[in-house]
Amino acid sequence: MGPLLHLDRTLDELDPPRWPEPAADATRLVRTVHALRRVPLRELRPADLRTLVSQGVALPYVVPLAVHLLVEEPLLDAYFYEGDLLLATVNVPAPVWTLLPELAEELRAVVAALPESAHADLPRGAAGEIDRFIAGRQRNS
C-alpha cells in the first residue's frame, strides 16, 4: 500500500517504534516534532510537513504529502517564506527518492517548469539546490 492510503493513521503508527514523550527540557522543535508524529496524516498542515521534512522524520510518509502540495503550488509558503516547503523537499536525501522515483520525477517536472524569475525571491543558494535536484543529484544522507 502506498503512503497516501494511510491518511487516517499517524506517523507513530506507520513508522515504528512509537516515540516516547520528549524530555522535560526538550526544545520547542523537539516537542513539536514529537507531537506531529501523533497527528493523523490527513491533518498535517503545510508548515507541519515542512518541519517533518526538514527534520528528516518518516520521510517515506511525509514526502508524498509534500509533493502532492507542491505539484499544486510549487512555491507554497508553508511557514517561513515562499518556497520553503519546496526547498526542504528538494533537499531530501537520495535514498528516500530511490524509494519514491515516480514522485521524484513528478516534482522534477514541476520544478523544471518554474520560470527563472521564480528563484529571485528564494534565499541565497536556493537556485543551486533546485538545479541540483532537477539534475538528479540529491544529497546522499
Protein backbone atom coordinates (compact mmCIF):
# COMPACT_ATOMS: atom_id res chain seq x y z
CA MET A 1 0.00 0.00 0.00
CA GLY A 2 1.21 3.49 -0.80
CA PRO A 3 1.76 6.13 1.89
CA LEU A 4 -1.25 8.17 0.74
CA LEU A 5 -3.54 5.27 1.61
CA HIS A 6 -2.78 5.72 5.30
CA LEU A 7 -4.14 9.23 5.79
CA ASP A 8 -6.13 8.33 8.91
CA ARG A 9 -3.07 6.93 10.67
CA THR A 10 -0.26 8.72 12.49
CA LEU A 11 3.48 8.55 11.95
CA ASP A 12 3.82 6.82 15.31
CA GLU A 13 1.58 4.06 13.90
CA LEU A 14 3.21 3.90 10.46
CA ASP A 15 6.85 4.47 11.38
CA PRO A 16 7.59 2.38 14.47
CA PRO A 17 8.69 2.44 17.12
CA ARG A 18 6.37 4.97 18.73
CA TRP A 19 8.32 7.85 20.11
CA PRO A 20 8.21 8.42 23.86
CA GLU A 21 7.24 11.76 25.31
CA PRO A 22 10.05 14.29 24.84
CA ALA A 23 12.26 15.11 27.79
CA ALA A 24 11.08 17.88 30.09
CA ASP A 25 13.92 20.15 28.92
CA ALA A 26 13.41 19.40 25.19
CA THR A 27 13.45 22.29 22.76
CA ARG A 28 10.28 23.61 21.21
CA LEU A 29 11.26 21.98 17.91
CA VAL A 30 11.69 18.57 19.54
CA ARG A 31 8.35 18.88 21.32
CA THR A 32 6.70 19.94 18.05
CA VAL A 33 8.10 17.00 16.07
CA HIS A 34 7.07 14.53 18.77
CA ALA A 35 3.55 15.99 18.76
CA LEU A 36 3.32 15.89 14.96
CA ARG A 37 4.05 12.16 14.99
CA ARG A 38 0.72 11.73 16.81
CA VAL A 39 -1.37 13.67 14.26
CA PRO A 40 -3.23 11.74 11.52
CA LEU A 41 -1.52 12.34 8.19
CA ARG A 42 -4.60 13.98 6.66
CA GLU A 43 -4.47 16.68 9.38
CA LEU A 44 -0.85 17.70 8.79
CA ARG A 45 -0.65 21.27 7.51
CA PRO A 46 1.99 22.59 5.09
CA ALA A 47 4.01 24.03 8.00
CA ASP A 48 3.90 20.65 9.73
CA LEU A 49 5.15 18.91 6.60
CA ARG A 50 7.95 21.45 6.21
CA THR A 51 9.02 20.77 9.79
CA LEU A 52 8.92 16.99 9.39
CA VAL A 53 10.71 17.02 6.03
CA SER A 54 13.36 19.44 7.29
CA GLN A 55 13.98 17.24 10.31
CA GLY A 56 14.09 14.04 8.24
CA VAL A 57 11.21 12.42 10.12
CA ALA A 58 9.35 9.50 8.49
CA LEU A 59 10.23 10.78 5.03
CA PRO A 60 8.63 7.92 3.05
CA TYR A 61 5.30 9.05 4.53
CA VAL A 62 5.65 12.83 4.58
CA VAL A 63 7.43 13.40 1.26
CA PRO A 64 4.44 12.14 -0.78
CA LEU A 65 2.21 14.58 1.09
CA ALA A 66 4.64 17.43 0.47
CA VAL A 67 4.97 16.60 -3.23
CA HIS A 68 1.18 16.47 -3.55
CA LEU A 69 1.01 20.06 -2.27
CA LEU A 70 3.98 21.21 -4.35
CA VAL A 71 2.52 19.91 -7.59
CA GLU A 72 -0.43 22.23 -7.00
CA GLU A 73 1.62 25.17 -5.71
CA PRO A 74 5.40 24.77 -6.12
CA LEU A 75 6.30 27.96 -4.27
CA LEU A 76 3.89 27.39 -1.41
CA ASP A 77 4.72 29.47 1.67
CA ALA A 78 4.44 26.80 4.34
CA TYR A 79 5.70 28.86 7.23
CA PHE A 80 8.85 30.96 6.73
CA TYR A 81 8.84 32.19 3.13
CA GLU A 82 7.56 31.43 -0.34
CA GLY A 83 9.17 28.17 -1.48
CA ASP A 84 10.21 26.93 1.98
CA LEU A 85 8.46 23.56 1.59
CA LEU A 86 9.97 23.16 -1.88
CA LEU A 87 13.49 23.78 -0.61
CA ALA A 88 13.04 21.35 2.26
CA THR A 89 11.70 18.73 -0.14
CA VAL A 90 14.38 19.05 -2.84
CA ASN A 91 16.97 18.53 -0.11
CA VAL A 92 15.57 15.14 0.93
CA PRO A 93 18.39 12.57 0.81
CA ALA A 94 18.79 10.44 -2.33
CA PRO A 95 17.86 7.12 -0.65
CA VAL A 96 14.35 8.46 0.01
CA TRP A 97 13.91 9.46 -3.63
CA THR A 98 15.09 5.96 -4.61
CA LEU A 99 12.04 4.65 -2.72
CA LEU A 100 9.78 7.20 -4.43
CA PRO A 101 11.07 7.51 -8.02
CA GLU A 102 7.72 8.49 -9.57
CA LEU A 103 7.29 11.31 -7.09
CA ALA A 104 10.85 12.48 -7.71
CA GLU A 105 10.16 12.69 -11.43
CA GLU A 106 6.83 14.42 -10.87
CA LEU A 107 8.45 17.03 -8.64
CA ARG A 108 11.38 17.47 -11.05
CA ALA A 109 8.96 18.22 -13.89
CA VAL A 110 7.07 20.78 -11.82
CA VAL A 111 10.24 22.48 -10.58
CA ALA A 112 11.87 22.48 -14.02
CA ALA A 113 8.81 24.29 -15.41
CA LEU A 114 9.23 27.18 -12.97
CA PRO A 115 10.45 30.36 -14.64
CA GLU A 116 13.91 31.62 -13.66
CA SER A 117 12.23 34.65 -12.09
CA ALA A 118 10.61 32.31 -9.53
CA HIS A 119 14.04 31.82 -7.96
CA ALA A 120 14.52 35.55 -7.36
CA ASP A 121 12.69 35.66 -4.01
CA LEU A 122 14.19 32.45 -2.66
CA PRO A 123 17.09 32.51 -0.19
CA ARG A 124 20.66 32.69 -1.43
CA GLY A 125 21.81 29.34 -2.78
CA ALA A 126 18.29 28.04 -3.35
CA ALA A 127 18.56 28.15 -7.14
CA GLY A 128 21.60 25.87 -6.94
CA GLU A 129 19.76 23.44 -4.66
CA ILE A 130 16.83 23.36 -7.07
CA ASP A 131 19.12 22.89 -10.09
CA ARG A 132 20.89 20.03 -8.30
CA PHE A 133 17.53 18.34 -7.68
CA ILE A 134 16.40 18.78 -11.28
CA ALA A 135 19.67 17.23 -12.45
CA GLY A 136 19.03 14.25 -10.18
CA ARG A 137 21.94 14.92 -7.86
CA GLN A 138 20.31 14.60 -4.43
CA ARG A 139 22.13 14.55 -1.12
CA ASN A 140 23.32 11.09 -0.13
CA SER A 141 22.49 11.36 3.57
